[in-house]
Protein backbone atom coordinates (compact mmCIF):
# COMPACT_ATOMS: atom_id res chain seq x y z
CA MET A 1 100.41 -10.11 204.70
CA ALA A 2 102.14 -13.04 206.82
CA LEU A 3 104.32 -10.61 208.81
CA HIS A 4 101.38 -8.30 209.72
CA THR A 5 99.04 -11.70 210.74
CA GLY A 6 101.59 -14.16 211.87
CA ALA A 7 100.41 -16.53 209.34
CA ALA A 8 102.57 -19.30 208.05
CA VAL A 9 103.53 -19.42 204.64
CA VAL A 10 103.23 -22.82 202.92
CA PRO A 11 104.09 -23.12 199.38
CA GLY A 12 101.57 -25.48 197.60
CA TYR A 13 101.18 -26.49 193.79
CA ALA A 14 99.61 -28.67 191.55
CA VAL A 15 101.37 -31.25 189.42
CA TRP A 16 99.96 -33.01 186.43
CA ASP A 17 100.83 -36.70 186.27
CA GLU A 18 99.84 -38.22 183.25
CA ARG A 19 99.62 -42.02 184.58
CA ILE A 20 96.79 -41.15 186.47
CA ARG A 21 95.39 -38.17 184.70
CA LYS A 22 94.96 -36.36 187.63
CA TYR A 23 96.53 -33.21 189.33
CA ILE A 24 98.52 -33.97 192.69
CA LEU A 25 98.54 -31.47 195.17
CA ARG A 26 102.10 -30.78 196.62
CA PHE A 27 103.33 -28.57 199.46
CA GLU A 28 106.77 -27.56 200.44
CA PRO A 29 107.82 -27.01 204.17
CA PRO A 30 106.68 -23.89 205.39
CA VAL A 31 109.16 -20.95 205.00
CA GLU A 32 110.51 -19.27 207.88
CA LEU A 33 109.89 -15.55 207.83
CA MET A 34 112.58 -12.81 208.74
CA ARG A 35 111.35 -10.88 211.21
CA THR A 36 113.78 -8.19 212.24
CA GLY A 37 111.20 -5.19 212.65
CA ASP A 38 112.58 -3.03 209.21
CA MET A 39 109.43 -3.85 207.35
CA GLU A 40 110.94 -2.89 204.30
CA ARG A 41 113.86 -5.11 204.87
CA ASP A 42 111.83 -7.96 206.30
CA VAL A 43 109.72 -7.64 202.88
CA LEU A 44 112.82 -7.59 200.61
CA GLU A 45 114.57 -10.83 202.05
CA ASN A 46 111.19 -12.78 202.45
CA THR A 47 110.53 -11.99 198.82
CA LYS A 48 113.65 -13.47 198.04
CA LYS A 49 112.91 -16.30 199.79
CA PHE A 50 109.66 -17.17 198.37
CA THR A 51 111.41 -16.70 194.83
CA LYS A 52 113.86 -19.19 195.85
CA VAL A 53 111.21 -22.01 196.41
CA ILE A 54 109.31 -21.11 193.63
CA GLU A 55 112.60 -21.51 191.18
CA GLY A 56 113.23 -24.41 192.95
CA ILE A 57 109.28 -25.89 192.08
CA VAL A 58 110.02 -24.79 188.46
CA ARG A 59 113.76 -26.47 187.82
CA LYS A 60 112.03 -29.82 189.50
CA TYR A 61 109.09 -29.83 186.81
CA PRO A 62 110.04 -27.35 183.92
CA GLU A 63 107.28 -28.88 181.77
CA GLN A 64 104.43 -27.98 183.57
CA TRP A 65 105.73 -24.30 184.02
CA VAL A 66 103.97 -21.51 181.90
CA TRP A 67 104.74 -18.04 182.21
CA VAL A 68 102.11 -15.46 181.77
CA HIS A 69 102.42 -11.92 182.06
CA VAL A 70 99.59 -9.39 181.49
CA ALA A 71 100.64 -6.48 179.86
CA VAL A 72 97.97 -3.56 180.04
CA GLU A 73 97.89 -0.64 177.59
CA HIS A 74 95.80 2.20 177.97
CA GLN A 75 95.16 4.45 174.69
CA ALA A 76 94.76 8.19 175.58
CA GLU A 77 91.75 8.29 173.44
CA GLY A 78 88.51 6.63 174.95
CA ARG A 79 90.70 4.99 177.64
CA ALA A 80 90.82 1.71 175.79
CA ILE A 81 92.64 -1.41 176.88
CA ALA A 82 94.33 -3.94 175.32
CA LEU A 83 95.74 -7.01 177.46
CA ARG A 84 98.23 -9.34 176.04
CA PHE A 85 99.30 -12.83 177.19
CA PRO A 86 102.57 -14.04 176.04
CA VAL A 87 103.18 -17.43 177.02
CA ARG A 88 107.14 -18.88 176.88
């Protein structure tokens, strides 16, 4: 979306501070986007940049990170859906 609009991508997240028993909002510097004109390449390279920022945040606060993955299963009869939320 940022590639299409020119919007800045500013990573932000909340960190729980046990001492004051509140969440603190933190922001990282804007991610400098690659804009070569090759949309497929730009999306791939910018996704790598975003992933690196997220990895850095998780490494900084590993005790506050929870991985949630939604697995959707379809049953042929009746199209019932089962959702699973494994947490690691």
